Amino acid sequence: KQWYQRRVAITAGIDETERSLHDAIMIVRRALKNDSIVAGGGAIEMELSKELRNYAKTIHGKEQLLITAYAKALEIIPRQLCENAGFDSVTILNKLRQKHAQGGKWMGMDISSEDIADNFIACVWEPSIVKRNALTAACEACCVILSIDETVKNPNSNYQAPNAMPGM
């Protein structure tokens, strides 16, 4: 029985390694086909967030709230990178916001120094098409969720059936 459990665990490990290698190879392949890159380590998300926050200050109403919320959501990526690496995400994000406000558009998280760095110079790159596709997929998923929410929403939700007991 133990040899079988070990074999299953080894097989699962090999399968996961194979999937990871496949994903890495496909990203490299995609990068070679599309030679446009952006800095990784949360740099592009922080830059997009900064630009959206600046744009939101120029408009009023519900649109401003939506754009600000989207900018805040983009910062989840660098925050999660920090937490996965065991860093203090509040400190790193504050440093990133400051550097991006000063014009450091490629500043991102640096795992080696547990700080921030210009990830374009540090060769921490991601294919721009991968980022574009990820952002598009995330937006489409949000739209589907909102669409479902709007479909399920019932304007007569306070309506009680004639035989229903109060409070039920």
N, C-alpha and C. Protein backbone atom coordinates (compact mmCIF):
# COMPACT_ATOMS: atom_id res chain seq x y z
N LYS A 1 0.83 -1.19 0.00
CA LYS A 1 0.00 0.00 0.00
C LYS A 1 0.88 1.26 0.00
N GLN A 2 1.97 1.25 0.75
CA GLN A 2 2.84 2.44 0.82
C GLN A 2 3.52 2.70 -0.52
N TRP A 3 3.95 1.64 -1.19
CA TRP A 3 4.62 1.84 -2.48
C TRP A 3 3.66 2.48 -3.47
N TYR A 4 2.37 2.11 -3.38
CA TYR A 4 1.37 2.68 -4.28
C TYR A 4 1.16 4.17 -3.99
N GLN A 5 1.09 4.54 -2.71
CA GLN A 5 0.92 5.94 -2.33
C GLN A 5 2.11 6.78 -2.80
N ARG A 6 3.33 6.24 -2.65
CA ARG A 6 4.51 6.96 -3.12
C ARG A 6 4.48 7.14 -4.63
N ARG A 7 4.06 6.09 -5.33
CA ARG A 7 4.01 6.15 -6.79
C ARG A 7 2.99 7.20 -7.24
N VAL A 8 1.84 7.26 -6.57
CA VAL A 8 0.82 8.24 -6.90
C VAL A 8 1.37 9.65 -6.65
N ALA A 9 2.05 9.85 -5.53
CA ALA A 9 2.61 11.17 -5.22
C ALA A 9 3.68 11.57 -6.23
N ILE A 10 4.52 10.64 -6.61
CA ILE A 10 5.56 10.92 -7.60
C ILE A 10 4.93 11.25 -8.95
N THR A 11 3.92 10.47 -9.33
CA THR A 11 3.23 10.71 -10.60
C THR A 11 2.58 12.09 -10.59
N ALA A 12 1.95 12.47 -9.49
CA ALA A 12 1.31 13.79 -9.39
C ALA A 12 2.37 14.89 -9.50
N GLY A 13 3.51 14.69 -8.86
CA GLY A 13 4.61 15.67 -8.94
C GLY A 13 5.14 15.81 -10.35
N ILE A 14 5.28 14.69 -11.03
CA ILE A 14 5.77 14.72 -12.42
C ILE A 14 4.75 15.42 -13.31
N ASP A 15 3.47 15.13 -13.11
CA ASP A 15 2.42 15.78 -13.90
C ASP A 15 2.43 17.30 -13.69
N GLU A 16 2.57 17.73 -12.45
CA GLU A 16 2.59 19.17 -12.15
C GLU A 16 3.82 19.82 -12.78
N THR A 17 4.97 19.14 -12.71
CA THR A 17 6.19 19.67 -13.33
C THR A 17 6.01 19.78 -14.84
N GLU A 18 5.38 18.79 -15.44
CA GLU A 18 5.13 18.82 -16.88
C GLU A 18 4.24 19.99 -17.26
N ARG A 19 3.18 20.21 -16.48
CA ARG A 19 2.27 21.34 -16.75
C ARG A 19 3.01 22.67 -16.61
N SER A 20 3.83 22.80 -15.58
CA SER A 20 4.58 24.04 -15.36
C SER A 20 5.55 24.30 -16.51
N LEU A 21 6.25 23.26 -16.94
CA LEU A 21 7.17 23.42 -18.06
C LEU A 21 6.43 23.78 -19.34
N HIS A 22 5.30 23.14 -19.57
CA HIS A 22 4.50 23.45 -20.75
C HIS A 22 4.07 24.91 -20.74
N ASP A 23 3.58 25.38 -19.58
CA ASP A 23 3.17 26.78 -19.46
C ASP A 23 4.33 27.72 -19.75
N ALA A 24 5.49 27.41 -19.19
CA ALA A 24 6.67 28.26 -19.40
C ALA A 24 7.09 28.27 -20.87
N ILE A 25 7.07 27.13 -21.50
CA ILE A 25 7.45 27.04 -22.92
C ILE A 25 6.46 27.82 -23.78
N MET A 26 5.17 27.74 -23.47
CA MET A 26 4.16 28.46 -24.25
C MET A 26 4.31 29.98 -24.07
N ILE A 27 4.69 30.42 -22.87
CA ILE A 27 4.90 31.85 -22.66
C ILE A 27 6.11 32.33 -23.45
N VAL A 28 7.18 31.54 -23.46
CA VAL A 28 8.37 31.90 -24.25
C VAL A 28 8.01 31.92 -25.73
N ARG A 29 7.27 30.93 -26.18
CA ARG A 29 6.85 30.87 -27.59
C ARG A 29 6.03 32.10 -27.97
N ARG A 30 5.11 32.46 -27.09
CA ARG A 30 4.27 33.63 -27.34
C ARG A 30 5.12 34.91 -27.34
N ALA A 31 6.10 34.96 -26.46
CA ALA A 31 6.98 36.13 -26.39
C ALA A 31 7.81 36.26 -27.67
N LEU A 32 8.24 35.14 -28.22
CA LEU A 32 9.03 35.18 -29.45
C LEU A 32 8.19 35.63 -30.64
N LYS A 33 6.91 35.26 -30.65
CA LYS A 33 6.03 35.67 -31.73
C LYS A 33 5.65 37.15 -31.63
N ASN A 34 5.52 37.64 -30.41
CA ASN A 34 5.14 39.04 -30.17
C ASN A 34 6.25 39.67 -29.34
N ASP A 35 7.07 40.47 -29.98
CA ASP A 35 8.28 40.95 -29.32
C ASP A 35 8.07 42.14 -28.39
N SER A 36 6.85 42.50 -28.10
CA SER A 36 6.57 43.59 -27.18
C SER A 36 6.55 43.05 -25.75
N ILE A 37 7.31 43.70 -24.86
CA ILE A 37 7.37 43.25 -23.47
C ILE A 37 7.10 44.41 -22.52
N VAL A 38 6.76 44.06 -21.29
CA VAL A 38 6.60 45.03 -20.21
C VAL A 38 7.35 44.49 -19.00
N ALA A 39 7.63 45.37 -18.06
CA ALA A 39 8.31 44.95 -16.83
C ALA A 39 7.35 44.14 -15.97
N GLY A 40 7.88 43.11 -15.33
CA GLY A 40 7.07 42.27 -14.46
C GLY A 40 7.17 42.68 -13.01
N GLY A 41 6.84 41.78 -12.13
CA GLY A 41 6.92 42.06 -10.70
C GLY A 41 5.90 43.08 -10.22
N GLY A 42 4.80 43.19 -10.93
CA GLY A 42 3.75 44.12 -10.55
C GLY A 42 3.95 45.53 -11.06
N ALA A 43 5.01 45.75 -11.85
CA ALA A 43 5.30 47.11 -12.34
C ALA A 43 4.20 47.63 -13.26
N ILE A 44 3.76 46.83 -14.20
CA ILE A 44 2.77 47.32 -15.16
C ILE A 44 1.42 47.54 -14.49
N GLU A 45 1.07 46.69 -13.52
CA GLU A 45 -0.19 46.88 -12.80
C GLU A 45 -0.17 48.18 -11.99
N MET A 46 0.97 48.47 -11.36
CA MET A 46 1.08 49.70 -10.57
C MET A 46 1.01 50.93 -11.49
N GLU A 47 1.63 50.84 -12.66
CA GLU A 47 1.60 51.97 -13.59
C GLU A 47 0.18 52.19 -14.13
N LEU A 48 -0.50 51.11 -14.48
CA LEU A 48 -1.88 51.23 -14.94
C LEU A 48 -2.78 51.79 -13.84
N SER A 49 -2.55 51.34 -12.62
CA SER A 49 -3.33 51.83 -11.49
C SER A 49 -3.12 53.33 -11.30
N LYS A 50 -1.86 53.77 -11.39
CA LYS A 50 -1.56 55.21 -11.25
C LYS A 50 -2.26 56.01 -12.33
N GLU A 51 -2.17 55.56 -13.57
CA GLU A 51 -2.79 56.28 -14.69
C GLU A 51 -4.31 56.33 -14.55
N LEU A 52 -4.90 55.23 -14.12
CA LEU A 52 -6.36 55.21 -13.94
C LEU A 52 -6.79 56.13 -12.81
N ARG A 53 -6.03 56.15 -11.71
CA ARG A 53 -6.36 57.05 -10.60
C ARG A 53 -6.26 58.51 -11.04
N ASN A 54 -5.23 58.82 -11.82
CA ASN A 54 -5.09 60.19 -12.33
C ASN A 54 -6.25 60.55 -13.25
N TYR A 55 -6.63 59.63 -14.11
CA TYR A 55 -7.76 59.87 -15.01
C TYR A 55 -9.06 60.04 -14.22
N ALA A 56 -9.24 59.22 -13.18
CA ALA A 56 -10.48 59.28 -12.38
C ALA A 56 -10.66 60.65 -11.73
N LYS A 57 -9.56 61.34 -11.45
CA LYS A 57 -9.65 62.68 -10.84
C LYS A 57 -10.21 63.72 -11.80
N THR A 58 -10.22 63.41 -13.08
CA THR A 58 -10.68 64.38 -14.08
C THR A 58 -12.16 64.23 -14.40
N ILE A 59 -12.81 63.18 -13.87
CA ILE A 59 -14.23 62.97 -14.17
C ILE A 59 -15.02 62.89 -12.87
N HIS A 60 -16.34 62.93 -12.98
CA HIS A 60 -17.20 62.92 -11.81
C HIS A 60 -18.27 61.85 -11.95
N GLY A 61 -18.90 61.54 -10.85
CA GLY A 61 -20.02 60.62 -10.86
C GLY A 61 -19.62 59.17 -10.67
N LYS A 62 -20.53 58.29 -11.09
CA LYS A 62 -20.32 56.86 -10.92
C LYS A 62 -19.10 56.35 -11.67
N GLU A 63 -18.82 56.96 -12.83
CA GLU A 63 -17.68 56.54 -13.62
C GLU A 63 -16.38 56.69 -12.82
N GLN A 64 -16.28 57.77 -12.06
CA GLN A 64 -15.09 57.99 -11.25
C GLN A 64 -14.92 56.87 -10.22
N LEU A 65 -16.02 56.47 -9.60
CA LEU A 65 -15.96 55.39 -8.62
C LEU A 65 -15.55 54.07 -9.26
N LEU A 66 -16.09 53.79 -10.44
CA LEU A 66 -15.75 52.55 -11.13
C LEU A 66 -14.29 52.51 -11.55
N ILE A 67 -13.80 53.61 -12.08
CA ILE A 67 -12.40 53.65 -12.53
C ILE A 67 -11.46 53.55 -11.34
N THR A 68 -11.80 54.21 -10.24
CA THR A 68 -10.97 54.12 -9.03
C THR A 68 -10.97 52.70 -8.47
N ALA A 69 -12.11 52.04 -8.50
CA ALA A 69 -12.20 50.65 -8.03
C ALA A 69 -11.36 49.73 -8.91
N TYR A 70 -11.38 49.97 -10.22
CA TYR A 70 -10.57 49.16 -11.14
C TYR A 70 -9.07 49.38 -10.86
N ALA A 71 -8.70 50.64 -10.61
CA ALA A 71 -7.30 50.95 -10.28
C ALA A 71 -6.87 50.24 -9.01
N LYS A 72 -7.74 50.23 -8.03
CA LYS A 72 -7.44 49.55 -6.77
C LYS A 72 -7.31 48.04 -6.98
N ALA A 73 -8.18 47.49 -7.83
CA ALA A 73 -8.14 46.05 -8.11
C ALA A 73 -6.83 45.65 -8.78
N LEU A 74 -6.28 46.51 -9.62
CA LEU A 74 -5.01 46.18 -10.29
C LEU A 74 -3.88 46.01 -9.28
N GLU A 75 -3.97 46.69 -8.15
CA GLU A 75 -2.91 46.60 -7.14
C GLU A 75 -2.94 45.28 -6.37
N ILE A 76 -3.96 44.47 -6.62
CA ILE A 76 -4.02 43.16 -5.97
C ILE A 76 -2.87 42.27 -6.47
N ILE A 77 -2.48 42.43 -7.73
CA ILE A 77 -1.41 41.59 -8.30
C ILE A 77 -0.09 41.81 -7.55
N PRO A 78 0.43 43.05 -7.47
CA PRO A 78 1.68 43.21 -6.72
C PRO A 78 1.53 42.88 -5.23
N ARG A 79 0.36 43.12 -4.67
CA ARG A 79 0.14 42.77 -3.26
C ARG A 79 0.26 41.26 -3.07
N GLN A 80 -0.35 40.50 -3.97
CA GLN A 80 -0.29 39.05 -3.86
C GLN A 80 1.13 38.53 -4.09
N LEU A 81 1.86 39.16 -5.02
CA LEU A 81 3.25 38.78 -5.23
C LEU A 81 4.05 38.97 -3.94
N CYS A 82 3.83 40.08 -3.26
CA CYS A 82 4.52 40.36 -1.98
C CYS A 82 4.17 39.31 -0.94
N GLU A 83 2.90 39.03 -0.81
CA GLU A 83 2.47 38.06 0.20
C GLU A 83 3.00 36.66 -0.10
N ASN A 84 3.01 36.29 -1.38
CA ASN A 84 3.55 34.97 -1.76
C ASN A 84 5.03 34.86 -1.45
N ALA A 85 5.75 35.99 -1.56
CA ALA A 85 7.19 35.98 -1.28
C ALA A 85 7.48 36.18 0.21
N GLY A 86 6.45 36.45 1.00
CA GLY A 86 6.64 36.64 2.44
C GLY A 86 7.08 38.05 2.81
N PHE A 87 6.83 39.02 1.95
CA PHE A 87 7.22 40.41 2.21
C PHE A 87 6.06 41.17 2.82
N ASP A 88 6.41 42.33 3.41
CA ASP A 88 5.39 43.23 3.94
C ASP A 88 4.78 43.98 2.77
N SER A 89 3.57 43.59 2.38
CA SER A 89 2.96 44.15 1.17
C SER A 89 2.63 45.64 1.32
N VAL A 90 2.30 46.08 2.52
CA VAL A 90 1.96 47.49 2.73
C VAL A 90 3.18 48.38 2.44
N THR A 91 4.32 48.00 2.96
CA THR A 91 5.55 48.78 2.75
C THR A 91 5.95 48.79 1.28
N ILE A 92 5.94 47.62 0.66
CA ILE A 92 6.35 47.52 -0.75
C ILE A 92 5.39 48.32 -1.64
N LEU A 93 4.09 48.18 -1.42
CA LEU A 93 3.12 48.91 -2.26
C LEU A 93 3.24 50.42 -2.08
N ASN A 94 3.50 50.87 -0.86
CA ASN A 94 3.69 52.31 -0.65
C ASN A 94 4.93 52.81 -1.39
N LYS A 95 6.01 52.03 -1.36
CA LYS A 95 7.22 52.40 -2.10
C LYS A 95 6.94 52.43 -3.60
N LEU A 96 6.20 51.43 -4.08
CA LEU A 96 5.88 51.38 -5.51
C LEU A 96 5.01 52.56 -5.92
N ARG A 97 4.01 52.90 -5.11
CA ARG A 97 3.17 54.06 -5.43
C ARG A 97 4.00 55.34 -5.51
N GLN A 98 4.90 55.48 -4.56
CA GLN A 98 5.75 56.68 -4.53
C GLN A 98 6.63 56.75 -5.77
N LYS A 99 7.29 55.66 -6.12
CA LYS A 99 8.17 55.65 -7.28
C LYS A 99 7.40 55.87 -8.58
N HIS A 100 6.23 55.27 -8.69
CA HIS A 100 5.43 55.46 -9.90
C HIS A 100 4.94 56.89 -10.00
N ALA A 101 4.61 57.51 -8.88
CA ALA A 101 4.20 58.92 -8.88
C ALA A 101 5.34 59.83 -9.33
N GLN A 102 6.58 59.39 -9.08
CA GLN A 102 7.77 60.16 -9.47
C GLN A 102 8.23 59.84 -10.88
N GLY A 103 7.50 58.97 -11.57
CA GLY A 103 7.83 58.67 -12.97
C GLY A 103 8.55 57.35 -13.19
N GLY A 104 8.71 56.54 -12.17
CA GLY A 104 9.37 55.23 -12.33
C GLY A 104 8.41 54.18 -12.83
N LYS A 105 8.08 54.24 -14.12
CA LYS A 105 7.01 53.39 -14.64
C LYS A 105 7.34 51.91 -14.69
N TRP A 106 8.61 51.54 -14.60
CA TRP A 106 8.97 50.12 -14.63
C TRP A 106 9.34 49.59 -13.25
N MET A 107 9.06 50.35 -12.20
CA MET A 107 9.40 49.91 -10.84
C MET A 107 8.43 48.82 -10.40
N GLY A 108 9.02 47.72 -9.93
CA GLY A 108 8.22 46.59 -9.47
C GLY A 108 8.90 45.90 -8.31
N MET A 109 8.33 44.83 -7.87
CA MET A 109 8.86 44.09 -6.73
C MET A 109 10.13 43.34 -7.12
N ASP A 110 11.13 43.40 -6.24
CA ASP A 110 12.39 42.68 -6.46
C ASP A 110 12.54 41.64 -5.36
N ILE A 111 12.39 40.38 -5.73
CA ILE A 111 12.45 39.30 -4.75
C ILE A 111 13.85 39.15 -4.17
N SER A 112 14.88 39.38 -4.96
CA SER A 112 16.25 39.19 -4.50
C SER A 112 16.62 40.10 -3.35
N SER A 113 16.22 41.37 -3.44
CA SER A 113 16.60 42.33 -2.40
C SER A 113 15.47 42.61 -1.41
N GLU A 114 14.34 41.94 -1.57
CA GLU A 114 13.16 42.17 -0.73
C GLU A 114 12.78 43.65 -0.73
N ASP A 115 12.86 44.27 -1.90
CA ASP A 115 12.58 45.69 -2.04
C ASP A 115 11.95 45.91 -3.42
N ILE A 116 12.11 47.10 -3.96
CA ILE A 116 11.62 47.38 -5.30
C ILE A 116 12.82 47.70 -6.20
N ALA A 117 12.60 47.55 -7.50
CA ALA A 117 13.68 47.81 -8.46
C ALA A 117 13.06 48.15 -9.81
N ASP A 118 13.88 48.72 -10.68
CA ASP A 118 13.46 48.94 -12.06
C ASP A 118 13.54 47.59 -12.76
N ASN A 119 12.40 46.94 -12.89
CA ASN A 119 12.38 45.57 -13.40
C ASN A 119 12.65 45.48 -14.89
N PHE A 120 12.57 46.58 -15.60
CA PHE A 120 12.93 46.53 -17.02
C PHE A 120 14.45 46.38 -17.13
N ILE A 121 15.18 47.14 -16.31
CA ILE A 121 16.64 47.03 -16.29
C ILE A 121 17.07 45.70 -15.69
N ALA A 122 16.32 45.22 -14.68
CA ALA A 122 16.65 43.96 -14.01
C ALA A 122 16.26 42.73 -14.83
N CYS A 123 15.74 42.95 -16.03
CA CYS A 123 15.35 41.86 -16.94
C CYS A 123 14.23 40.98 -16.38
N VAL A 124 13.33 41.59 -15.63
CA VAL A 124 12.13 40.89 -15.18
C VAL A 124 11.02 41.35 -16.12
N TRP A 125 10.81 40.55 -17.17
CA TRP A 125 9.92 40.94 -18.25
C TRP A 125 8.76 39.97 -18.38
N GLU A 126 7.70 40.49 -18.96
CA GLU A 126 6.56 39.67 -19.33
C GLU A 126 6.10 40.10 -20.71
N PRO A 127 5.68 39.16 -21.54
CA PRO A 127 5.16 39.54 -22.85
C PRO A 127 3.91 40.42 -22.67
N SER A 128 3.86 41.51 -23.38
CA SER A 128 2.72 42.42 -23.23
C SER A 128 1.41 41.75 -23.65
N ILE A 129 1.48 40.82 -24.59
CA ILE A 129 0.25 40.14 -25.02
C ILE A 129 -0.32 39.28 -23.90
N VAL A 130 0.55 38.72 -23.06
CA VAL A 130 0.07 37.91 -21.92
C VAL A 130 -0.68 38.82 -20.95
N LYS A 131 -0.11 40.00 -20.67
CA LYS A 131 -0.77 40.96 -19.78
C LYS A 131 -2.09 41.43 -20.38
N ARG A 132 -2.06 41.74 -21.66
CA ARG A 132 -3.27 42.21 -22.34
C ARG A 132 -4.37 41.15 -22.27
N ASN A 133 -4.00 39.91 -22.53
CA ASN A 133 -4.99 38.82 -22.49
C ASN A 133 -5.52 38.61 -21.07
N ALA A 134 -4.63 38.70 -20.08
CA ALA A 134 -5.06 38.51 -18.69
C ALA A 134 -6.03 39.62 -18.27
N LEU A 135 -5.72 40.86 -18.62
CA LEU A 135 -6.61 41.97 -18.28
C LEU A 135 -7.95 41.85 -19.00
N THR A 136 -7.89 41.46 -20.26
CA THR A 136 -9.13 41.28 -21.03
C THR A 136 -9.99 40.18 -20.43
N ALA A 137 -9.37 39.06 -20.09
CA ALA A 137 -10.12 37.94 -19.51
C ALA A 137 -10.73 38.33 -18.16
N ALA A 138 -9.97 39.07 -17.35
CA ALA A 138 -10.48 39.51 -16.05
C ALA A 138 -11.67 40.44 -16.22
N CYS A 139 -11.58 41.37 -17.16
CA CYS A 139 -12.69 42.30 -17.42
C CYS A 139 -13.92 41.56 -17.93
N GLU A 140 -13.71 40.61 -18.83
CA GLU A 140 -14.83 39.84 -19.35
C GLU A 140 -15.50 39.02 -18.26
N ALA A 141 -14.70 38.46 -17.35
CA ALA A 141 -15.26 37.69 -16.24
C ALA A 141 -16.10 38.59 -15.34
N CYS A 142 -15.62 39.80 -15.08
CA CYS A 142 -16.39 40.75 -14.26
C CYS A 142 -17.70 41.12 -14.95
N CYS A 143 -17.64 41.33 -16.24
CA CYS A 143 -18.86 41.67 -16.99
C CYS A 143 -19.88 40.54 -16.94
N VAL A 144 -19.42 39.30 -17.03
CA VAL A 144 -20.32 38.15 -16.95
C VAL A 144 -20.95 38.09 -15.57
N ILE A 145 -20.14 38.30 -14.53
CA ILE A 145 -20.67 38.26 -13.16
C ILE A 145 -21.71 39.36 -12.97
N LEU A 146 -21.39 40.56 -13.44
CA LEU A 146 -22.35 41.66 -13.32
C LEU A 146 -23.61 41.39 -14.13
N SER A 147 -23.46 40.80 -15.29
CA SER A 147 -24.61 40.47 -16.13
C SER A 147 -25.51 39.45 -15.43
N ILE A 148 -24.90 38.44 -14.83
CA ILE A 148 -25.67 37.43 -14.10
C ILE A 148 -26.36 38.08 -12.91
N ASP A 149 -25.64 38.96 -12.21
CA ASP A 149 -26.21 39.64 -11.06
C ASP A 149 -27.42 40.48 -11.47
N GLU A 150 -27.30 41.16 -12.60
CA GLU A 150 -28.40 41.99 -13.10
C GLU A 150 -29.59 41.12 -13.53
N THR A 151 -29.31 39.94 -14.08
CA THR A 151 -30.37 39.03 -14.53
C THR A 151 -31.12 38.45 -13.33
N VAL A 152 -30.38 38.10 -12.29
CA VAL A 152 -30.99 37.48 -11.11
C VAL A 152 -31.74 38.51 -10.27
N LYS A 153 -31.29 39.75 -10.31
CA LYS A 153 -31.91 40.82 -9.53
C LYS A 153 -33.38 40.95 -9.92
N ASN A 154 -34.23 41.00 -8.93
CA ASN A 154 -35.67 41.06 -9.17
C ASN A 154 -36.21 42.34 -8.55
N PRO A 155 -36.82 43.22 -9.33
CA PRO A 155 -37.33 44.48 -8.77
C PRO A 155 -38.43 44.25 -7.73
N ASN A 156 -39.10 43.11 -7.77
CA ASN A 156 -40.16 42.80 -6.81
C ASN A 156 -39.65 41.93 -5.67
N SER A 157 -38.39 42.07 -5.29
CA SER A 157 -37.81 41.18 -4.29
C SER A 157 -38.44 41.35 -2.92
N ASN A 158 -39.10 42.48 -2.65
CA ASN A 158 -39.77 42.69 -1.37
C ASN A 158 -41.19 42.13 -1.37
N TYR A 159 -41.61 41.61 -2.51
CA TYR A 159 -42.95 41.05 -2.64
C TYR A 159 -43.08 39.78 -1.81
N GLN A 160 -44.16 39.66 -1.05
CA GLN A 160 -44.44 38.45 -0.29
C GLN A 160 -45.66 37.77 -0.88
N ALA A 161 -45.58 36.49 -0.97
CA ALA A 161 -46.73 35.72 -1.46
C ALA A 161 -47.89 35.90 -0.50
N PRO A 162 -49.14 35.85 -1.00
CA PRO A 162 -50.30 36.09 -0.12
C PRO A 162 -50.38 35.17 1.09
N ASN A 163 -49.95 33.92 0.96
CA ASN A 163 -50.03 32.98 2.06
C ASN A 163 -48.78 32.93 2.91
N ALA A 164 -47.79 33.74 2.58
CA ALA A 164 -46.53 33.69 3.32
C ALA A 164 -46.69 34.33 4.68
N MET A 165 -46.02 33.76 5.64
CA MET A 165 -46.06 34.31 7.00
C MET A 165 -45.06 35.48 7.06
N PRO A 166 -45.37 36.51 7.83
CA PRO A 166 -44.44 37.64 7.95
C PRO A 166 -43.09 37.17 8.50
N GLY A 167 -42.03 37.74 8.00
CA GLY A 167 -40.67 37.39 8.47
C GLY A 167 -40.10 36.18 7.79
N MET A 168 -40.82 35.57 6.85
CA MET A 168 -40.28 34.38 6.20
C MET A 168 -39.99 34.66 4.76
